[in-house]
Amino acid sequence: IQLENLSLAPKEVAESIFKFIFGNQSLSTKTQKFLHSHMNAESHGEHNLETYKHSHEEFEAWRWKISEKTLNEVESNPSCSEAIGRMGHRIFNSLDNVRNRSIPLQM
């Protein structure tokens, strides 16, 4: 499960998980309400462990928090760059590219 997929399509990913685990992708009304209220909400607090998120923004939040030093360390590490590629994500090569919303995370 990739965070960006869960963030962009929480109901569909949850249905896929339910189908895998239970053999049935039907989500109860309670589960659907939980997903809607927790994945489509502005944060209700400032805590890192807060479960109410605006999920469409969550998976790329790191792009505005990462330092140039950390970006360079991660992208220049062969194991990390290989993992980034396997996930279908982009190597940005610069902080300016990371911050540029017109350059998508996924290739």
Foldseek 3Di string as FASTA:
>chain_A
DDLQCCLVPVLVVQLVVCCVPVVGSDDDPVRVVLCCQQRCAPFPDDDPPGRRHVSNCPVLPVLVVDDFVVLCVQCVDVVNVVVLVVVQFDNQVGSVSSNDPVNDGGD
